């Protein structure tokens, strides 16, 4: 049996996945558990969604979709962004995936080489550093202290960016702190190269 790739050395089971598994175990023992480890809702999928999925499957909508998502779904995403977020994106600027982890992994894998750096506002979503390491990049943590409401400072960010920086991953509102960024113009104090 082939062994695991060396790049998996130092990558463990995600703590959030382990906590989710433990919560499922405890629920199976009929314990009342409120699990905050995964972003799953605590209510069943609405009947209209289940009915639509069944109707689509019975109607033959079971083949591989286009790589960037079905046109009808992309149009719905486009309408949502415009209606709720006042963001106007062209359909070729919208990509549909299986979730953030898949999209982020694919993007970093496609753009990072060994030794490139991925800057992370810390604390950060648990998978970011492992994704960077699996892709050959080095995660660089920029502390966002509790006494600053977990906000990223321009000075700390500026100090973390080097010519080897390929990515700055920002997640707002931040997971796990809920902190949000203050919007203002930022000018880099020194050139990138």
Protein backbone atom coordinates (compact mmCIF):
# COMPACT_ATOMS: atom_id res chain seq x y z
CA UNK A 1 0.00 0.00 0.00
CA UNK A 2 1.46 3.38 -0.90
CA UNK A 3 2.30 5.73 1.96
CA UNK A 4 1.13 9.28 2.37
CA UNK A 5 2.89 12.15 0.63
CA UNK A 6 5.55 13.95 2.65
CA UNK A 7 3.59 17.20 2.34
CA UNK A 8 1.06 15.76 4.80
CA UNK A 9 3.67 15.64 7.57
CA UNK A 10 2.67 18.11 10.26
CA UNK A 11 -0.93 18.36 9.01
CA UNK A 12 -3.36 16.87 11.50
CA UNK A 13 -7.08 16.39 11.66
CA UNK A 14 -8.79 19.77 11.72
CA UNK A 15 -9.79 20.66 15.29
CA UNK A 16 -13.20 21.81 14.05
CA UNK A 17 -13.77 18.46 12.29
CA UNK A 18 -12.73 16.58 15.44
CA UNK A 19 -15.13 18.68 17.55
CA UNK A 20 -17.95 18.10 15.04
CA UNK A 21 -17.36 14.35 15.22
CA UNK A 22 -17.37 14.46 19.04
CA UNK A 23 -20.62 16.47 19.05
CA UNK A 24 -22.24 13.85 16.77
CA UNK A 25 -21.06 11.08 19.13
CA UNK A 26 -22.57 12.85 22.14
CA UNK A 27 -25.84 13.56 20.31
CA UNK A 28 -26.05 9.85 19.42
CA UNK A 29 -25.97 9.21 23.19
CA UNK A 30 -29.09 11.44 23.45
CA UNK A 31 -27.18 14.27 25.13
CA UNK A 32 -28.32 17.81 24.37
CA UNK A 33 -25.40 19.38 22.52
CA UNK A 34 -25.02 22.82 20.99
CA UNK A 35 -22.10 22.41 18.62
CA UNK A 36 -20.37 25.60 17.52
CA UNK A 37 -17.59 23.78 15.65
CA UNK A 38 -19.07 23.78 12.14
CA UNK A 39 -21.19 26.26 10.29
CA UNK A 40 -24.15 23.94 9.87
CA UNK A 41 -27.60 25.29 10.66
CA UNK A 42 -29.52 23.76 13.55
CA UNK A 43 -32.69 23.32 11.49
CA UNK A 44 -33.65 20.93 8.69
CA UNK A 45 -33.36 21.84 5.03
CA UNK A 46 -36.59 23.67 4.09
CA UNK A 47 -39.15 21.52 2.24
CA UNK A 48 -39.14 23.84 -0.79
CA UNK A 49 -35.38 23.29 -1.21
CA UNK A 50 -35.71 19.51 -0.86
CA UNK A 51 -38.65 19.50 -3.31
CA UNK A 52 -36.69 21.59 -5.83
CA UNK A 53 -33.70 19.22 -5.60
CA UNK A 54 -35.95 16.20 -6.14
CA UNK A 55 -37.71 17.86 -9.08
CA UNK A 56 -34.34 18.78 -10.66
CA UNK A 57 -33.06 15.20 -10.30
CA UNK A 58 -36.28 13.71 -11.68
CA UNK A 59 -36.09 16.21 -14.55
CA UNK A 60 -32.68 14.86 -15.54
CA UNK A 61 -30.56 17.66 -14.06
CA UNK A 62 -27.95 15.16 -12.83
CA UNK A 63 -24.97 15.73 -15.15
CA UNK A 64 -21.73 17.56 -14.46
CA UNK A 65 -22.29 21.32 -14.55
CA UNK A 66 -19.94 23.79 -16.26
CA UNK A 67 -16.71 24.22 -14.30
CA UNK A 68 -17.68 27.68 -13.03
CA UNK A 69 -21.34 26.86 -12.29
CA UNK A 70 -24.61 26.65 -14.17
CA UNK A 71 -25.71 29.89 -15.86
CA UNK A 72 -29.04 29.99 -13.96
CA UNK A 73 -27.24 29.66 -10.61
CA UNK A 74 -24.65 32.29 -11.55
CA UNK A 75 -27.49 34.66 -12.56
CA UNK A 76 -29.14 34.08 -9.17
CA UNK A 77 -25.84 34.83 -7.41
CA UNK A 78 -25.41 37.94 -9.55
CA UNK A 79 -28.94 39.14 -8.64
CA UNK A 80 -28.33 38.46 -4.93
CA UNK A 81 -25.08 40.46 -4.92
CA UNK A 82 -26.80 43.40 -6.62
CA UNK A 83 -29.97 43.27 -4.49
CA UNK A 84 -28.43 42.70 -1.06
CA UNK A 85 -24.85 43.95 -1.35
CA UNK A 86 -25.09 46.60 -4.09
CA UNK A 87 -22.29 44.80 -5.95
CA UNK A 88 -22.52 44.56 -9.74
CA UNK A 89 -20.53 41.60 -11.10
CA UNK A 90 -20.51 40.25 -14.64
CA UNK A 91 -21.32 36.55 -14.97
CA UNK A 92 -17.72 35.80 -15.99
CA UNK A 93 -16.61 37.25 -12.62
CA UNK A 94 -18.70 34.73 -10.66
CA UNK A 95 -17.51 31.20 -9.91
CA UNK A 96 -19.60 28.63 -8.07
CA UNK A 97 -17.84 25.97 -5.99
CA UNK A 98 -18.52 23.40 -3.31
CA UNK A 99 -17.54 25.78 -0.52
CA UNK A 100 -14.89 28.21 0.66
CA UNK A 101 -12.35 25.53 1.53
CA UNK A 102 -12.41 24.09 -2.01
CA UNK A 103 -12.18 27.51 -3.67
CA UNK A 104 -9.38 28.78 -1.40
CA UNK A 105 -7.40 25.55 -1.71
CA UNK A 106 -7.67 25.60 -5.50
CA UNK A 107 -6.70 29.26 -5.74
CA UNK A 108 -3.66 28.93 -3.47
CA UNK A 109 -2.57 25.68 -5.12
CA UNK A 110 -2.78 27.34 -8.54
CA UNK A 111 -0.81 30.44 -7.55
CA UNK A 112 1.74 29.58 -4.84
CA UNK A 113 5.17 28.06 -5.26
CA UNK A 114 7.42 26.64 -2.56
CA UNK A 115 8.55 29.46 -0.29
CA UNK A 116 5.77 31.89 -1.20
CA UNK A 117 4.01 33.44 1.77
CA UNK A 118 0.35 33.59 2.74
CA UNK A 119 -0.45 36.34 5.26
CA UNK A 120 -3.17 35.49 7.79
CA UNK A 121 -4.88 37.89 10.21
CA UNK A 122 -4.70 35.87 13.45
CA UNK A 123 -6.86 34.37 14.87
CA UNK A 124 -8.08 32.93 11.58
CA UNK A 125 -10.24 30.14 10.21
CA UNK A 126 -8.62 26.90 11.31
CA UNK A 127 -7.85 25.52 7.81
CA UNK A 128 -5.99 28.50 6.31
CA UNK A 129 -2.51 27.65 7.60
CA UNK A 130 -2.80 23.96 6.65
CA UNK A 131 -3.99 24.89 3.16
CA UNK A 132 -0.98 27.19 2.71
CA UNK A 133 1.45 24.51 3.94
CA UNK A 134 -0.10 21.80 1.73
CA UNK A 135 0.37 24.10 -1.26
CA UNK A 136 4.05 24.64 -0.42
CA UNK A 137 3.60 28.16 0.93
CA UNK A 138 4.53 29.48 4.35
CA UNK A 139 1.72 30.87 6.53
CA UNK A 140 2.60 34.22 8.16
CA UNK A 141 0.45 35.20 11.12
CA UNK A 142 -0.32 38.85 11.81
CA UNK A 143 -1.69 39.15 15.36
CA UNK A 144 -5.01 40.92 15.84
CA UNK A 145 -5.08 41.34 19.64
CA UNK A 146 -8.23 41.12 21.74
CA UNK A 147 -7.49 44.55 23.22
CA UNK A 148 -7.85 45.98 19.67
CA UNK A 149 -11.15 44.10 19.19
CA UNK A 150 -9.29 41.58 17.01
CA UNK A 151 -8.84 44.17 14.27
CA UNK A 152 -5.95 44.07 11.85
CA UNK A 153 -3.71 47.11 12.04
CA UNK A 154 -2.26 48.63 8.89
CA UNK A 155 1.16 48.86 10.56
CA UNK A 156 1.25 45.15 11.46
CA UNK A 157 -0.03 44.19 8.01
CA UNK A 158 2.55 46.37 6.27
CA UNK A 159 5.34 44.75 8.30
CA UNK A 160 4.19 41.23 7.33
CA UNK A 161 4.15 41.77 3.57
CA UNK A 162 7.37 40.92 1.71
CA UNK A 163 8.27 40.32 -1.93
CA UNK A 164 7.49 36.61 -1.30
CA UNK A 165 3.88 37.39 -0.22
CA UNK A 166 1.44 35.87 -2.70
CA UNK A 167 -1.75 36.05 -0.65
CA UNK A 168 -3.37 38.06 2.08
CA UNK A 169 -6.38 36.11 3.35
CA UNK A 170 -8.98 38.34 4.97
CA UNK A 171 -12.19 36.88 6.34
CA UNK A 172 -14.70 39.48 7.48
CA UNK A 173 -16.57 39.17 9.65
CA UNK A 174 -13.68 37.16 10.98
CA UNK A 175 -14.08 33.51 11.84
CA UNK A 176 -13.75 32.88 14.79
CA UNK A 177 -13.85 36.35 16.41
CA UNK A 178 -16.60 38.09 14.45
CA UNK A 179 -14.38 41.19 14.06
CA UNK A 180 -15.04 43.34 11.01
CA UNK A 181 -12.62 45.54 9.11
CA UNK A 182 -12.82 49.30 9.15
CA UNK A 183 -12.93 50.52 5.58
CA UNK A 184 -10.42 53.19 4.71
CA UNK A 185 -7.69 53.75 2.20
CA UNK A 186 -4.37 52.09 2.90
CA UNK A 187 -1.14 53.12 1.26
CA UNK A 188 1.82 50.85 1.51
CA UNK A 189 4.75 52.52 3.25
CA UNK A 190 7.33 50.83 1.01
CA UNK A 191 7.33 49.30 -2.49
CA UNK A 192 6.59 45.59 -2.94
CA UNK A 193 9.90 44.73 -4.57
